[in-house]
């Protein structure tokens, strides 16, 4: 089932190819244990508190800054070191596509809004191609930072895959 949304005209695509079957990539994207292995930028830890994997279902997790650089960043933005985040799934098509809206409610001086991310997973023999499509955030600086964090997370996904396949 899906609740399709139209991506912005200013989307970005981040592409990766992993040495793993699509089913493993899907598992790491859609289970609490999998997400807790990789789904935060470096310098943060994550704990999943809710995962309802269906269109309209929610993912809730707490992200905690742990490195000195990230601690300084969250303090500079006026946020707590640990923050709860929420995503609402708009599309769940195992193991090929996952889309969700993220509530962006942590930007000082900016009204909360929703942000669309779509992840396409395609088997490529014994490898898997992943394409993450990201809508822009409210301004260019936050958009650049958000895209860099997602790229870092996808690098962390590769490390999680290596740990699982060794």
Protein backbone atom coordinates (compact mmCIF):
# COMPACT_ATOMS: atom_id res chain seq x y z
CA UNK A 1 0.00 0.00 0.00
CA UNK A 2 1.13 3.55 -0.61
CA UNK A 3 0.24 7.12 0.06
CA UNK A 4 2.21 8.60 -2.81
CA UNK A 5 3.53 12.13 -2.54
CA UNK A 6 5.19 14.12 -5.28
CA UNK A 7 8.85 14.95 -4.60
CA UNK A 8 9.97 18.55 -4.85
CA UNK A 9 11.46 19.78 -8.12
CA UNK A 10 14.70 20.46 -6.19
CA UNK A 11 15.32 16.92 -4.92
CA UNK A 12 18.75 15.39 -4.46
CA UNK A 13 19.69 11.79 -5.19
CA UNK A 14 22.29 9.89 -3.20
CA UNK A 15 23.25 6.58 -4.77
CA UNK A 16 25.15 3.64 -3.31
CA UNK A 17 25.84 0.06 -4.37
CA UNK A 18 26.25 -2.49 -1.60
CA UNK A 19 27.80 -5.97 -1.64
CA UNK A 20 24.70 -7.54 -0.12
CA UNK A 21 21.33 -8.91 -1.18
CA UNK A 22 18.38 -6.51 -1.25
CA UNK A 23 16.73 -8.44 1.59
CA UNK A 24 19.62 -7.61 3.96
CA UNK A 25 19.57 -3.94 2.96
CA UNK A 26 15.78 -3.92 3.54
CA UNK A 27 16.21 -5.54 6.97
CA UNK A 28 18.74 -2.91 8.01
CA UNK A 29 16.37 -0.16 6.84
CA UNK A 30 13.19 -1.50 8.42
CA UNK A 31 13.96 -3.15 11.77
CA UNK A 32 14.77 -1.49 15.08
CA UNK A 33 17.92 -3.59 15.50
CA UNK A 34 19.01 -2.78 11.95
CA UNK A 35 18.41 0.96 12.26
CA UNK A 36 20.23 1.13 15.58
CA UNK A 37 23.34 -0.24 13.85
CA UNK A 38 23.78 2.60 11.38
CA UNK A 39 20.99 5.17 11.06
CA UNK A 40 22.53 8.30 12.49
CA UNK A 41 25.38 10.51 11.42
CA UNK A 42 28.76 9.93 13.08
CA UNK A 43 28.85 11.36 16.57
CA UNK A 44 25.30 10.31 17.51
CA UNK A 45 23.65 7.23 19.00
CA UNK A 46 20.08 6.10 18.29
CA UNK A 47 17.43 4.13 20.18
CA UNK A 48 14.21 3.15 18.41
CA UNK A 49 11.10 3.35 20.60
CA UNK A 50 8.39 2.65 18.00
CA UNK A 51 8.38 1.04 14.56
CA UNK A 52 5.08 0.43 12.75
CA UNK A 53 6.18 -0.48 9.21
CA UNK A 54 3.14 0.30 7.06
CA UNK A 55 1.85 3.36 5.20
CA UNK A 56 0.64 5.71 7.91
CA UNK A 57 2.76 3.86 10.50
CA UNK A 58 5.34 5.64 12.58
CA UNK A 59 8.98 5.40 13.43
CA UNK A 60 10.03 7.13 16.64
CA UNK A 61 13.57 7.20 17.87
CA UNK A 62 15.81 9.19 20.17
CA UNK A 63 19.06 10.51 18.80
CA UNK A 64 21.76 11.51 21.29
CA UNK A 65 24.82 13.58 20.46
CA UNK A 66 27.94 11.79 21.72
CA UNK A 67 30.97 13.35 19.99
CA UNK A 68 32.31 16.77 21.04
CA UNK A 69 31.58 18.21 17.57
CA UNK A 70 27.95 17.05 17.56
CA UNK A 71 27.43 18.07 21.19
CA UNK A 72 28.62 21.58 20.24
CA UNK A 73 26.37 21.62 17.15
CA UNK A 74 23.18 20.69 19.01
CA UNK A 75 23.96 23.14 21.80
CA UNK A 76 24.57 25.91 19.22
CA UNK A 77 21.12 25.25 17.73
CA UNK A 78 19.52 25.38 21.18
CA UNK A 79 18.51 21.70 21.15
CA UNK A 80 18.91 19.09 23.88
CA UNK A 81 21.66 16.48 23.57
CA UNK A 82 18.95 13.80 23.24
CA UNK A 83 16.03 14.54 20.93
CA UNK A 84 13.09 12.38 19.89
CA UNK A 85 12.35 12.27 16.17
CA UNK A 86 9.29 11.01 14.33
CA UNK A 87 8.78 9.75 10.81
CA UNK A 88 5.56 8.65 9.15
CA UNK A 89 5.82 6.00 6.45
CA UNK A 90 4.07 6.92 3.20
CA UNK A 91 5.15 3.89 1.18
CA UNK A 92 6.34 0.41 2.19
CA UNK A 93 6.99 -2.05 -0.64
CA UNK A 94 9.32 -4.81 0.59
CA UNK A 95 12.13 -5.04 -0.43
CA UNK A 96 12.04 -2.39 -3.16
CA UNK A 97 10.82 0.97 -1.86
CA UNK A 98 10.44 2.88 1.38
CA UNK A 99 9.24 6.46 1.72
CA UNK A 100 8.60 8.57 4.78
CA UNK A 101 7.86 12.06 6.01
CA UNK A 102 10.14 13.45 8.72
CA UNK A 103 8.85 16.09 11.07
CA UNK A 104 11.36 18.93 11.03
CA UNK A 105 10.56 20.61 14.33
CA UNK A 106 14.03 21.33 15.69
CA UNK A 107 15.11 24.38 13.68
CA UNK A 108 15.36 27.49 15.87
CA UNK A 109 13.03 30.27 14.72
CA UNK A 110 11.35 28.13 12.06
CA UNK A 111 7.86 26.62 12.08
CA UNK A 112 7.73 22.79 12.00
CA UNK A 113 7.18 21.15 8.61
CA UNK A 114 7.35 17.72 6.98
CA UNK A 115 10.17 16.54 4.73
CA UNK A 116 9.92 13.66 2.20
CA UNK A 117 12.58 10.97 1.76
CA UNK A 118 12.24 8.08 -0.68
CA UNK A 119 14.53 5.05 -0.79
CA UNK A 120 14.57 2.74 -3.82
CA UNK A 121 16.32 -0.63 -3.55
CA UNK A 122 17.14 -2.67 -6.64
CA UNK A 123 18.88 -6.06 -6.73
CA UNK A 124 21.90 -6.13 -9.04
CA UNK A 125 23.06 -9.73 -9.08
CA UNK A 126 24.67 -10.39 -5.70
CA UNK A 127 24.78 -6.65 -5.03
CA UNK A 128 22.12 -4.03 -4.31
CA UNK A 129 21.71 -0.52 -5.70
CA UNK A 130 20.13 2.01 -3.35
CA UNK A 131 18.90 5.46 -4.36
CA UNK A 132 17.83 7.89 -1.65
CA UNK A 133 15.85 10.88 -2.92
CA UNK A 134 15.67 13.87 -0.58
CA UNK A 135 13.51 16.95 -0.79
CA UNK A 136 15.27 20.18 0.19
CA UNK A 137 14.89 21.66 3.65
CA UNK A 138 13.80 25.25 4.32
CA UNK A 139 17.10 26.87 3.28
CA UNK A 140 20.30 25.97 1.46
CA UNK A 141 22.57 25.68 4.52
CA UNK A 142 20.24 23.22 6.30
CA UNK A 143 19.69 21.34 3.02
CA UNK A 144 23.45 20.90 2.48
CA UNK A 145 23.95 19.69 6.04
CA UNK A 146 20.98 17.31 5.84
CA UNK A 147 22.24 15.80 2.59
CA UNK A 148 25.75 15.39 4.04
CA UNK A 149 24.30 13.60 7.10
CA UNK A 150 22.29 11.22 4.89
CA UNK A 151 25.42 10.45 2.86
CA UNK A 152 27.32 9.73 6.09
CA UNK A 153 24.49 7.46 7.25
CA UNK A 154 24.61 5.51 3.98
CA UNK A 155 28.36 5.07 4.51
CA UNK A 156 27.49 3.72 7.98
CA UNK A 157 24.98 1.36 6.33
CA UNK A 158 27.84 -0.06 4.26
CA UNK A 159 29.84 -0.69 7.46
CA UNK A 160 26.81 -2.43 9.02
CA UNK A 161 26.46 -4.63 5.94
CA UNK A 162 30.15 -5.60 6.15
CA UNK A 163 29.74 -6.54 9.82
CA UNK A 164 26.74 -8.72 8.94
CA UNK A 165 28.39 -10.44 5.96
CA UNK A 166 31.86 -11.20 7.38
